[in-house]
Amino acid sequence: MHRRHLLKASMALAAYTGLSGTGLFAAQALAATADGEAEPFTFDMLKAQAKSLAAQAYVSNKQTLPPTLANMTPQQFNAIGYDANHSLWNDLKGQLDVQFFHVGMGFRTPVRMYSVDAGRKQAREVHFHPPLFDYKNTTVDTSQLKGDLGFAGFKLFKAPKLNRHDVVSFLGASYFRAVDATGQYGLSARGLAIDTYAKKQEEFPDFTKFWFETPSKDSTRFVVYALLDSPSATGAYRFDIDCQAERVVMDIDAHINARQDIEQLGVAPMTSMFSCGNHERRMCDTIHPQIHDSDRLAMWRGNGEWICRPLNNPDRVRFNAFADVDPKGFGLIQTDHDFSNYQDTVDWYHKRPSLWVEPTTAWGEGAIDLIELPTTGETMDNIVAFWTPKTPVKAGDALNFGYKLYWSALAPTGTPLARVAATRSGMGGFVEGWAPGEHYPNVWARRFAVDFTGGGLDSLRTPIEPILTASGGKVQDIQVLELPDIKGFRVLFDWYPTSDSVDPVDMRLFIKTQGRTLSETWLYQYFPPAPEKRKYV
């Protein structure tokens, strides 16, 4: 499926919370949800299966769905409810439970589900049956549902008897999401990204099978295994998912096998949306001051440096690679959780969680890659970030990556230095309080304001020195303003073009005092307008 189509379908389901009820077929309860024959299962067996599969030619298992499912709209798809009486651990009546997504619309790959008895090292398949679902409010013609169609994915419920909202969702290709304490879904993660920014069409690997270890009744942690398959790679994944009070933490062990040479391998990929914000107003001609799921890429480099890279909605596709060795962490962060800065009563952007990656094995040399796509609205994810190993991946290679994913309001860790609190930009070339052309020559420039807070700035008694560089043009009129209201400082400067070039300009800024670094590093990529647009109206 083309990236735009897949993301559109995925975003249409972002607010899906898993309709549950007594179910049209509750009276016809199955003897057991997992009704398959017992078969041996361990993670070592899954890793061996994935490795063996990589030595074979890829065979797509996408199926032709009956018209009543294939022609669905997102609204019709969402109307299919799951009968909670047939949830995977309904009989356990514990803290966790699993329900399944129906196939339909663009979700045509049958995903197989298995219940695991870890003690006996056995698994039983959960087969698709129409009585598992509630079709009473849908347009589905159940007479067309023939055979075992499989499932499209699954959703995990926490305290299902008290809270009917799911907290984890795996749906479409290898995409998955989780929520924090707000219960609001936001950006997505993936099992693997392949050729996202390469000279060929992007490849979307599929999770084709899942195995669920039955948790204890009072547990809020469970383990799920997954088999990944695609033309270029296979994978065996173990997800240890801890549904904490304020966040969801996933401990992931990923074993990847290359079927063929891979130009660009994306590890721990995440996908988000940035339409507009304080520094990027091009697409903000709405009643909303800001529209985004994430506002920055944060990086904790292997050498200990903290980086803040504000996100953009560029006028054309942009790719950046941030080289590193054994990164300590990175993530797409939503730092602003103030409703007044969004004024959104539909998508609730102030409630969106952040996603932070913490490697638990040595990742070696590589780069954190960032792809920013142009978007005209808020229904299309346009931000992608992941880790790419430096060594090219060749057919037959076997790779292992361990990492944790933290789905929480903010990253679980941070620098003791001052942080970038906000980035703003607008017209420049004049003194604040006066407009261009009133008392100043109509000279085009772009003004930037970067606010720093924390790290002891509120008690600092020595002068602050901004260290600022730009890859093109010139910066001038640099000012440092103390802002008691935020207990921090603002660095204000103007950027002037020195040529007609529209190439992106990379800016770098941090603050120090008496030779001591005070803040994380602000990285920004500015896209100058064409010369004919460099004027004030």
Protein backbone atom coordinates (compact mmCIF):
# COMPACT_ATOMS: atom_id res chain seq x y z
CA MET A 1 0.00 0.00 0.00
CA HIS A 2 1.23 3.50 -0.80
CA ARG A 3 2.42 5.48 2.26
CA ARG A 4 -0.25 8.16 1.92
CA HIS A 5 -3.08 5.62 1.65
CA LEU A 6 -1.85 3.55 4.57
CA LEU A 7 -1.37 6.56 6.82
CA LYS A 8 -4.75 7.97 5.86
CA ALA A 9 -6.47 4.73 6.87
CA SER A 10 -4.43 4.52 10.04
CA MET A 11 -5.14 8.13 11.05
CA ALA A 12 -8.84 7.65 10.42
CA LEU A 13 -8.78 5.09 13.22
CA ALA A 14 -6.68 7.12 15.65
CA ALA A 15 -9.66 7.88 17.87
CA TYR A 16 -11.00 4.33 17.77
CA THR A 17 -11.60 3.10 21.31
CA GLY A 18 -12.99 -0.37 20.67
CA LEU A 19 -16.76 -0.51 20.89
CA SER A 20 -17.84 -3.23 23.26
CA GLY A 21 -21.16 -4.59 24.34
CA THR A 22 -23.17 -7.66 25.03
CA GLY A 23 -22.99 -8.59 21.35
CA LEU A 24 -25.56 -9.83 18.89
CA PHE A 25 -24.26 -13.37 19.19
CA ALA A 26 -23.65 -13.49 22.95
CA ALA A 27 -26.06 -16.38 23.32
CA GLN A 28 -23.89 -18.42 20.95
CA ALA A 29 -20.74 -18.14 23.09
CA LEU A 30 -17.85 -20.23 21.88
CA ALA A 31 -16.46 -22.97 24.10
CA ALA A 32 -13.15 -21.05 24.17
CA THR A 33 -11.85 -18.05 22.25
CA ALA A 34 -8.60 -19.90 21.54
CA ASP A 35 -10.08 -22.96 19.85
CA GLY A 36 -7.10 -24.29 17.90
CA GLU A 37 -5.11 -27.42 18.54
CA ALA A 38 -2.26 -27.15 21.05
CA GLU A 39 1.16 -26.77 19.43
CA PRO A 40 4.65 -26.13 20.84
CA PHE A 41 5.78 -22.52 21.16
CA THR A 42 8.78 -20.64 22.58
CA PHE A 43 10.53 -17.42 21.55
CA ASP A 44 13.54 -19.46 20.40
CA MET A 45 11.22 -21.39 18.10
CA LEU A 46 9.84 -18.11 16.73
CA LYS A 47 13.34 -16.76 16.08
CA ALA A 48 14.20 -19.97 14.22
CA GLN A 49 10.99 -19.71 12.21
CA ALA A 50 11.76 -16.12 11.19
CA LYS A 51 15.31 -17.03 10.18
CA SER A 52 14.10 -19.98 8.13
CA LEU A 53 11.43 -17.84 6.47
CA ALA A 54 14.07 -15.30 5.39
CA ALA A 55 15.81 -18.01 3.38
CA GLN A 56 12.63 -18.56 1.36
CA ALA A 57 11.06 -16.44 -1.35
CA TYR A 58 8.56 -13.90 -0.08
CA VAL A 59 4.91 -14.81 -0.57
CA SER A 60 2.29 -12.14 0.08
CA ASN A 61 -0.66 -13.36 2.10
CA LYS A 62 -2.94 -10.41 1.39
CA GLN A 63 -6.38 -11.77 0.68
CA THR A 64 -9.29 -10.74 -1.50
CA LEU A 65 -12.01 -9.67 0.87
CA PRO A 66 -15.74 -10.04 0.18
CA PRO A 67 -17.26 -6.80 -1.17
CA THR A 68 -19.07 -6.06 2.08
CA LEU A 69 -15.67 -5.68 3.77
CA ALA A 70 -13.46 -4.48 0.92
CA ASN A 71 -15.60 -1.45 0.11
CA MET A 72 -15.96 -0.10 3.64
CA THR A 73 -15.40 3.50 4.67
CA PRO A 74 -13.44 4.20 7.89
CA GLN A 75 -16.72 5.01 9.64
CA GLN A 76 -18.23 1.69 8.58
CA PHE A 77 -15.11 -0.15 9.69
CA ASN A 78 -15.20 1.52 13.11
CA ALA A 79 -18.83 0.49 13.53
CA ILE A 80 -17.84 -3.17 13.84
CA GLY A 81 -17.80 -3.89 17.55
CA TYR A 82 -16.10 -6.76 19.33
CA ASP A 83 -18.19 -8.86 21.71
CA ALA A 84 -16.48 -8.45 25.08
CA ASN A 85 -17.86 -11.83 26.16
CA HIS A 86 -15.39 -13.37 23.71
CA SER A 87 -12.33 -11.30 24.66
CA LEU A 88 -9.19 -13.37 25.05
CA TRP A 89 -9.00 -13.30 28.86
CA ASN A 90 -12.66 -12.70 29.69
CA ASP A 91 -12.77 -15.75 31.97
CA LEU A 92 -9.73 -14.50 33.90
CA LYS A 93 -11.61 -11.32 34.93
CA GLY A 94 -8.29 -9.66 35.66
CA GLN A 95 -6.57 -6.35 35.02
CA LEU A 96 -5.91 -6.95 31.31
CA ASP A 97 -7.82 -8.25 28.32
CA VAL A 98 -7.38 -8.50 24.55
CA GLN A 99 -9.89 -7.97 21.75
CA PHE A 100 -9.33 -8.21 18.01
CA PHE A 101 -9.84 -5.96 15.00
CA HIS A 102 -11.93 -7.21 12.10
CA VAL A 103 -10.40 -7.38 8.62
CA GLY A 104 -11.82 -4.86 6.17
CA MET A 105 -11.20 -1.69 4.19
CA GLY A 106 -7.44 -1.55 3.48
CA PHE A 107 -6.60 -4.09 6.17
CA ARG A 108 -6.47 -7.20 3.99
CA THR A 109 -3.58 -9.16 5.51
CA PRO A 110 -4.96 -11.95 7.71
CA VAL A 111 -3.16 -11.74 11.04
CA ARG A 112 -3.13 -14.99 13.04
CA MET A 113 -3.56 -14.86 16.82
CA TYR A 114 -2.46 -17.42 19.41
CA SER A 115 -2.97 -17.81 23.14
CA VAL A 116 0.18 -19.04 24.92
CA ASP A 117 0.49 -21.22 28.00
CA ALA A 118 4.05 -20.23 28.95
CA GLY A 119 4.37 -22.94 31.58
CA ARG A 120 3.54 -25.73 29.13
CA LYS A 121 5.28 -23.95 26.23
CA GLN A 122 2.17 -24.41 24.15
CA ALA A 123 -0.03 -22.18 22.00
CA ARG A 124 -3.56 -22.44 20.63
CA GLU A 125 -4.81 -20.39 17.70
CA VAL A 126 -7.76 -18.02 17.97
CA HIS A 127 -9.73 -18.51 14.76
CA PHE A 128 -11.97 -15.90 13.20
CA HIS A 129 -15.69 -16.54 13.64
CA PRO A 130 -18.45 -13.98 12.98
CA PRO A 131 -19.92 -14.57 16.50
CA LEU A 132 -16.81 -12.86 17.94
CA PHE A 133 -18.04 -9.54 16.58
CA ASP A 134 -21.09 -7.29 16.84
CA TYR A 135 -22.45 -6.28 13.43
CA LYS A 136 -25.83 -4.88 14.50
CA ASN A 137 -24.89 -1.23 13.79
CA THR A 138 -23.00 -1.96 10.59
CA THR A 139 -23.58 -2.45 6.87
CA VAL A 140 -21.81 -5.83 6.90
CA ASP A 141 -23.58 -8.64 5.07
CA THR A 142 -22.60 -11.57 7.31
CA SER A 143 -23.63 -14.08 4.65
CA GLN A 144 -20.47 -13.05 2.75
CA LEU A 145 -18.16 -13.92 5.66
CA LYS A 146 -16.96 -17.35 4.61
CA GLY A 147 -14.01 -19.25 6.08
CA ASP A 148 -11.29 -18.09 8.45
CA LEU A 149 -10.57 -14.49 7.37
CA GLY A 150 -8.13 -13.94 10.22
CA PHE A 151 -7.93 -10.62 12.07
CA ALA A 152 -6.49 -7.18 11.25
CA GLY A 153 -4.88 -6.57 14.63
CA PHE A 154 -5.63 -6.36 18.33
CA LYS A 155 -6.22 -3.93 21.16
CA LEU A 156 -5.31 -4.32 24.82
CA PHE A 157 -7.62 -3.17 27.58
CA LYS A 158 -6.54 -2.27 31.10
CA ALA A 159 -9.06 -2.88 33.91
CA PRO A 160 -11.64 -3.82 31.26
CA LYS A 161 -14.50 -4.11 33.74
CA LEU A 162 -14.00 -0.50 34.83
CA ASN A 163 -12.61 1.18 31.72
CA ARG A 164 -13.77 0.27 28.22
CA HIS A 165 -10.97 2.19 26.51
CA ASP A 166 -8.02 0.32 25.07
CA VAL A 167 -4.49 1.39 26.01
CA VAL A 168 -2.50 -0.42 23.28
CA SER A 169 -3.46 -0.99 19.65
CA PHE A 170 -1.68 -2.94 16.89
CA LEU A 171 -3.35 -2.37 13.52
CA GLY A 172 -2.10 -2.19 9.93
CA ALA A 173 1.28 -3.40 8.59
CA SER A 174 3.55 -3.25 11.68
CA TYR A 175 2.01 -0.09 13.15
CA PHE A 176 1.08 0.18 16.82
CA ARG A 177 0.13 2.84 19.38
CA ALA A 178 -0.23 3.26 23.11
CA VAL A 179 -1.60 5.92 25.44
CA ASP A 180 -0.54 7.63 28.63
CA ALA A 181 -2.77 8.60 31.56
CA THR A 182 -4.93 10.85 29.34
CA GLY A 183 -6.17 7.84 27.35
CA GLN A 184 -5.58 9.77 24.12
CA TYR A 185 -3.86 8.09 21.18
CA GLY A 186 -1.35 10.12 19.20
CA LEU A 187 1.73 9.21 17.19
CA SER A 188 2.50 5.65 16.02
CA ALA A 189 5.43 3.26 16.20
CA ARG A 190 6.30 0.48 13.77
CA GLY A 191 8.11 -2.81 13.95
CA LEU A 192 10.43 -1.89 11.08
CA ALA A 193 10.82 0.73 8.33
CA ILE A 194 12.37 -0.17 4.98
CA ASP A 195 13.42 2.30 2.27
CA THR A 196 11.42 5.20 3.72
CA TYR A 197 13.70 7.69 1.96
CA ALA A 198 15.35 5.69 -0.79
CA LYS A 199 15.32 5.63 -4.57
CA LYS A 200 12.49 3.12 -4.61
CA GLN A 201 8.98 2.72 -3.23
CA GLU A 202 8.81 2.38 0.53
CA GLU A 203 8.20 -1.12 1.88
CA PHE A 204 5.78 -1.73 4.73
CA PRO A 205 6.53 -4.99 6.59
CA ASP A 206 3.59 -6.79 8.18
CA PHE A 207 3.15 -8.38 11.57
CA THR A 208 1.48 -11.58 10.39
CA LYS A 209 1.20 -13.53 13.67
CA PHE A 210 0.90 -12.68 17.36
CA TRP A 211 1.24 -14.90 20.43
CA PHE A 212 -0.13 -13.73 23.80
CA GLU A 213 1.13 -15.01 27.14
CA THR A 214 -1.73 -15.24 29.61
CA PRO A 215 -1.00 -12.83 32.50
CA SER A 216 -1.85 -13.43 36.13
CA LYS A 217 -5.18 -12.01 37.29
CA ASP A 218 -3.69 -8.96 39.02
CA SER A 219 -0.89 -8.26 36.56
CA THR A 220 -0.70 -5.05 34.51
CA ARG A 221 2.19 -6.45 32.48
CA PHE A 222 1.92 -8.92 29.64
CA VAL A 223 4.10 -10.41 26.94
CA VAL A 224 3.25 -10.66 23.26
CA TYR A 225 5.38 -12.14 20.47
CA ALA A 226 5.16 -11.20 16.80
CA LEU A 227 6.34 -12.56 13.46
CA LEU A 228 7.24 -9.89 10.90
CA ASP A 229 7.37 -10.58 7.17
CA SER A 230 8.11 -8.51 4.06
CA PRO A 231 9.85 -8.86 0.68
CA SER A 232 13.15 -7.66 2.19
CA ALA A 233 13.14 -8.96 5.76
CA THR A 234 11.62 -11.13 8.44
CA GLY A 235 11.65 -10.61 12.17
CA ALA A 236 10.89 -12.19 15.53
CA TYR A 237 9.77 -9.71 18.18
CA ARG A 238 9.12 -9.97 21.89
CA PHE A 239 7.11 -7.14 23.51
CA ASP A 240 7.07 -6.98 27.31
CA ILE A 241 4.34 -4.40 27.86
CA ASP A 242 3.93 -2.72 31.25
CA CYS A 243 0.69 -0.76 31.57
CA GLN A 244 1.60 1.60 34.39
CA ALA A 245 -0.65 4.21 35.97
CA GLU A 246 0.75 7.19 34.05
CA ARG A 247 2.31 5.57 30.99
CA VAL A 248 2.87 2.43 28.93
CA VAL A 249 6.39 1.01 28.70
CA MET A 250 7.33 -1.59 26.08
CA ASP A 251 10.56 -3.59 26.41
CA ILE A 252 11.29 -4.88 22.90
CA ASP A 253 13.67 -7.59 21.72
CA ALA A 254 13.81 -7.49 17.89
CA HIS A 255 15.62 -10.13 15.80
CA ILE A 256 15.73 -9.09 12.13
CA ASN A 257 16.78 -11.23 9.15
CA ALA A 258 17.48 -9.69 5.73
CA ARG A 259 16.04 -11.53 2.72
CA GLN A 260 17.82 -9.18 0.36
CA ASP A 261 20.06 -6.12 0.44
CA ILE A 262 18.30 -3.20 2.14
CA GLU A 263 19.21 0.34 1.12
CA GLN A 264 17.71 1.95 4.21
CA LEU A 265 16.77 0.01 7.35
CA GLY A 266 14.78 1.94 9.97
CA VAL A 267 14.95 0.58 13.52
CA ALA A 268 12.46 1.68 16.21
CA PRO A 269 10.59 3.85 13.69
CA MET A 270 7.93 6.31 14.79
CA THR A 271 5.45 8.34 12.74
CA SER A 272 3.77 11.59 13.77
CA MET A 273 2.10 14.76 12.45
CA PHE A 274 3.24 18.36 12.49
CA SER A 275 1.09 20.79 10.55
CA CYS A 276 1.92 24.10 12.23
CA GLY A 277 3.20 25.66 15.44
CA ASN A 278 4.76 28.79 16.89
CA HIS A 279 7.68 28.82 14.44
CA GLU A 280 5.81 27.40 11.42
CA ARG A 281 2.61 29.28 10.56
CA ARG A 282 2.28 28.49 6.86
CA MET A 283 -0.60 26.03 7.39
CA CYS A 284 -2.16 27.64 10.50
CA ASP A 285 -4.87 29.67 8.76
CA THR A 286 -7.51 28.16 11.07
CA ILE A 287 -8.94 28.99 14.48
CA HIS A 288 -6.23 26.80 16.02
CA PRO A 289 -2.93 28.42 17.11
CA GLN A 290 -1.08 25.09 16.78
CA ILE A 291 -1.80 21.73 15.13
CA HIS A 292 0.57 18.85 15.83
CA ASP A 293 0.95 15.46 17.52
CA SER A 294 4.63 16.18 18.25
CA ASP A 295 6.59 19.44 18.22
CA ARG A 296 10.22 18.30 18.29
CA LEU A 297 12.72 15.51 17.79
CA ALA A 298 14.70 15.13 21.01
CA MET A 299 18.03 13.28 21.01
CA TRP A 300 20.36 12.20 23.80
CA ARG A 301 23.52 11.46 21.87
CA GLY A 302 26.07 8.81 22.75
CA ASN A 303 28.53 11.53 23.83
CA GLY A 304 25.98 12.87 26.34
CA GLU A 305 24.86 15.93 24.33
CA TRP A 306 21.15 16.76 24.39
CA ILE A 307 19.60 18.01 21.14
CA CYS A 308 16.28 19.76 20.53
CA ARG A 309 15.24 19.78 16.88
CA PRO A 310 11.88 21.56 16.29
CA LEU A 311 9.77 19.88 13.61
CA ASN A 312 8.76 21.49 10.32
CA ASN A 313 6.03 21.22 7.71
CA PRO A 314 8.24 21.93 4.69
CA ASP A 315 7.16 22.86 1.19
CA ARG A 316 8.89 19.72 -0.14
CA VAL A 317 10.21 16.47 1.28
CA ARG A 318 13.20 16.95 3.58
CA PHE A 319 15.61 14.35 4.93
CA ASN A 320 18.14 14.82 7.73
CA ALA A 321 20.54 12.30 9.25
CA PHE A 322 22.09 12.91 12.68
CA ALA A 323 25.14 10.66 12.96
CA ASP A 324 25.81 9.03 16.32
CA VAL A 325 27.43 6.10 18.11
CA ASP A 326 25.42 4.12 20.67
CA PRO A 327 22.71 6.76 21.22
CA LYS A 328 21.30 6.97 24.72
CA GLY A 329 17.82 7.81 23.47
CA PHE A 330 15.63 9.76 21.05
CA GLY A 331 11.98 10.50 20.53
CA LEU A 332 9.23 12.61 19.03
CA ILE A 333 8.01 14.77 21.90
CA GLN A 334 4.85 16.75 22.52
CA THR A 335 6.10 19.30 25.03
CA ASP A 336 3.10 21.67 25.07
CA HIS A 337 0.10 20.26 26.98
CA ASP A 338 -1.82 23.51 27.43
CA PHE A 339 -5.29 23.45 25.83
CA SER A 340 -5.23 27.21 25.25
CA ASN A 341 -2.34 26.81 22.81
CA TYR A 342 -4.39 24.51 20.55
CA GLN A 343 -8.05 25.41 21.12
CA ASP A 344 -8.94 22.00 19.70
CA THR A 345 -12.09 20.24 20.90
CA VAL A 346 -11.99 17.31 18.47
CA ASP A 347 -8.50 15.84 18.38
CA TRP A 348 -7.28 17.12 21.77
CA TYR A 349 -3.68 17.75 20.74
CA HIS A 350 -2.78 18.95 24.25
CA LYS A 351 -3.40 15.38 25.47
CA ARG A 352 -1.22 13.62 22.90
CA PRO A 353 1.57 11.44 24.35
CA SER A 354 5.24 11.60 23.49
CA LEU A 355 7.27 8.56 22.43
CA TRP A 356 10.81 7.96 23.66
CA VAL A 357 13.23 5.21 22.54
CA GLU A 358 15.83 3.92 24.98
CA PRO A 359 18.31 1.40 23.50
CA THR A 360 19.00 -1.53 25.82
CA THR A 361 21.71 -3.08 23.62
CA ALA A 362 24.73 -1.47 21.93
CA TRP A 363 23.52 -0.08 18.58
CA GLY A 364 26.97 0.91 17.32
CA GLU A 365 27.48 3.49 14.58
CA GLY A 366 24.62 4.90 12.61
CA ALA A 367 22.27 7.86 12.46
CA ILE A 368 18.92 9.05 13.72
CA ASP A 369 17.09 9.83 10.50
CA LEU A 370 14.30 12.40 10.24
CA ILE A 371 11.94 12.68 7.28
CA GLU A 372 9.58 15.67 7.07
CA LEU A 373 6.86 15.62 4.40
CA PRO A 374 4.66 18.53 3.34
CA THR A 375 1.06 18.29 4.49
CA THR A 376 -1.90 20.60 3.98
CA GLY A 377 -3.88 19.39 6.97
CA GLU A 378 -3.92 17.32 10.13
CA THR A 379 -5.22 13.95 8.92
CA MET A 380 -1.93 12.83 7.38
CA ASP A 381 1.17 11.81 9.32
CA ASN A 382 4.13 13.65 7.78
CA ILE A 383 6.96 13.07 10.27
CA VAL A 384 9.07 9.91 10.44
CA ALA A 385 12.09 9.22 12.68
CA PHE A 386 14.16 6.07 13.19
CA TRP A 387 17.68 4.69 13.69
CA THR A 388 19.68 3.54 10.65
CA PRO A 389 22.81 1.39 11.14
CA LYS A 390 25.92 2.70 9.39
CA THR A 391 26.91 -0.71 8.02
CA PRO A 392 24.85 -1.55 4.90
CA VAL A 393 22.43 -4.43 5.42
CA LYS A 394 23.09 -7.35 3.08
CA ALA A 395 20.98 -10.39 2.24
CA GLY A 396 21.51 -13.06 4.88
CA ASP A 397 22.42 -10.62 7.66
CA ALA A 398 20.92 -11.25 11.10
CA LEU A 399 20.55 -8.21 13.39
CA ASN A 400 19.38 -7.85 16.97
CA PHE A 401 18.16 -4.63 18.58
CA GLY A 402 16.94 -4.25 22.14
CA TYR A 403 15.10 -1.10 23.19
CA LYS A 404 12.34 0.31 25.35
CA LEU A 405 9.50 2.51 24.19
CA TYR A 406 8.01 4.96 26.67
CA TRP A 407 4.54 6.28 25.84
CA SER A 408 4.15 9.19 28.26
CA ALA A 409 3.43 12.90 28.41
CA LEU A 410 7.14 13.71 28.26
CA ALA A 411 10.36 11.72 27.87
CA PRO A 412 11.15 9.62 30.99
CA THR A 413 14.58 11.20 31.32
CA GLY A 414 16.08 14.61 30.66
CA THR A 415 19.13 16.79 30.87
CA PRO A 416 20.00 18.73 34.04
CA LEU A 417 20.86 21.63 31.72
CA ALA A 418 18.39 24.27 30.63
CA ARG A 419 15.94 23.11 27.97
CA VAL A 420 14.42 24.72 24.91
CA ALA A 421 10.95 25.73 26.06
CA ALA A 422 9.70 27.23 22.79
CA THR A 423 10.74 28.31 19.30
CA ARG A 424 9.02 31.19 17.53
CA SER A 425 9.65 32.98 14.25
CA GLY A 426 8.21 35.85 12.26
CA MET A 427 9.07 39.02 10.38
CA GLY A 428 12.47 40.51 11.15
CA GLY A 429 14.62 43.50 10.26
CA PHE A 430 13.05 45.99 12.65
CA VAL A 431 12.98 46.94 16.33
CA GLU A 432 10.33 45.13 18.36
CA GLY A 433 7.25 47.32 18.70
CA TRP A 434 7.52 48.80 15.20
CA ALA A 435 6.42 47.27 11.91
CA PRO A 436 8.64 47.00 8.81
CA GLY A 437 8.21 49.98 6.51
CA GLU A 438 7.00 52.38 9.21
CA HIS A 439 10.34 53.69 10.42
CA TYR A 440 12.74 51.18 8.89
CA PRO A 441 13.73 50.26 5.32
CA ASN A 442 11.66 47.46 3.88
CA VAL A 443 14.50 44.95 4.16
CA TRP A 444 13.43 41.35 4.32
CA ALA A 445 14.65 39.26 7.27
CA ARG A 446 13.37 36.45 9.46
CA ARG A 447 13.30 36.78 13.25
CA PHE A 448 13.75 33.86 15.64
CA ALA A 449 13.10 33.71 19.37
CA VAL A 450 14.33 30.69 21.33
CA ASP A 451 13.29 30.40 24.98
CA PHE A 452 15.39 28.47 27.51
CA THR A 453 14.12 27.45 30.96
CA GLY A 454 15.23 25.22 33.84
CA GLY A 455 18.73 24.12 34.66
CA GLY A 456 19.12 26.77 37.34
CA LEU A 457 18.64 29.72 34.99
CA ASP A 458 16.30 31.40 37.48
CA SER A 459 19.15 31.76 39.98
CA LEU A 460 21.91 32.60 37.52
CA ARG A 461 23.88 35.77 38.36
CA THR A 462 26.47 35.78 35.56
CA PRO A 463 26.08 37.05 31.96
CA ILE A 464 24.72 34.62 29.35
CA GLU A 465 26.54 34.15 26.05
CA PRO A 466 24.62 32.66 23.09
CA ILE A 467 26.69 30.46 20.73
CA LEU A 468 24.91 30.68 17.38
CA THR A 469 25.89 29.49 13.90
CA ALA A 470 24.09 29.24 10.56
CA SER A 471 25.09 27.30 7.46
CA GLY A 472 24.06 30.11 5.11
CA GLY A 473 23.07 33.76 5.09
CA LYS A 474 23.97 35.88 8.11
CA VAL A 475 22.63 36.33 11.63
CA GLN A 476 22.70 39.66 13.42
CA ASP A 477 20.95 41.75 16.05
CA ILE A 478 21.42 39.00 18.62
CA GLN A 479 19.83 39.80 21.97
CA VAL A 480 19.50 37.96 25.28
CA LEU A 481 16.37 38.85 27.26
CA GLU A 482 15.62 37.72 30.79
CA LEU A 483 12.00 36.56 31.14
CA PRO A 484 10.95 36.37 34.80
CA ASP A 485 7.51 35.02 33.82
CA ILE A 486 9.06 31.77 32.58
CA LYS A 487 12.09 31.89 34.92
CA GLY A 488 14.35 31.75 31.93
CA PHE A 489 15.88 33.61 29.00
CA ARG A 490 15.06 34.35 25.37
CA VAL A 491 17.67 34.53 22.63
CA LEU A 492 16.40 36.79 19.86
CA PHE A 493 18.10 37.18 16.46
CA ASP A 494 17.43 38.02 12.80
CA TRP A 495 18.51 35.98 9.81
CA TYR A 496 19.23 37.76 6.51
CA PRO A 497 19.76 36.09 3.12
CA THR A 498 23.01 36.83 1.34
CA SER A 499 22.01 35.26 -1.98
CA ASP A 500 18.93 34.10 -3.90
CA SER A 501 19.45 30.53 -2.70
CA VAL A 502 16.44 28.62 -1.34
CA ASP A 503 18.56 25.81 0.07
CA PRO A 504 17.72 24.95 3.69
CA VAL A 505 19.73 26.77 6.35
CA ASP A 506 20.89 24.76 9.36
CA MET A 507 21.06 26.77 12.58
CA ARG A 508 22.67 25.74 15.85
CA LEU A 509 22.37 27.48 19.21
CA PHE A 510 23.18 26.92 22.86
CA ILE A 511 23.92 29.23 25.77
CA LYS A 512 26.86 29.31 28.15
CA THR A 513 28.37 31.43 30.88
CA GLN A 514 32.02 31.86 31.78
CA GLY A 515 32.96 28.89 29.59
CA ARG A 516 30.30 26.60 31.13
CA THR A 517 27.54 25.15 28.92
CA LEU A 518 24.11 26.02 30.30
CA SER A 519 21.65 24.41 27.88
CA GLU A 520 20.86 21.64 25.49
CA THR A 521 21.57 22.38 21.82
CA TRP A 522 18.87 23.88 19.62
CA LEU A 523 19.04 22.68 16.02
CA TYR A 524 16.77 24.23 13.44
CA GLN A 525 16.36 23.94 9.69
CA TYR A 526 14.96 27.02 8.00
CA PHE A 527 13.67 27.02 4.43
CA PRO A 528 14.11 30.49 2.83
CA PRO A 529 11.35 31.61 0.47
CA ALA A 530 12.02 32.34 -3.17
CA PRO A 531 13.50 35.83 -3.80
CA GLU A 532 10.23 37.17 -5.25
CA LYS A 533 8.47 36.34 -1.97
CA ARG A 534 11.00 38.10 0.24
CA LYS A 535 8.95 41.18 0.89
CA TYR A 536 6.46 42.47 3.42
CA VAL A 537 2.96 43.36 2.30
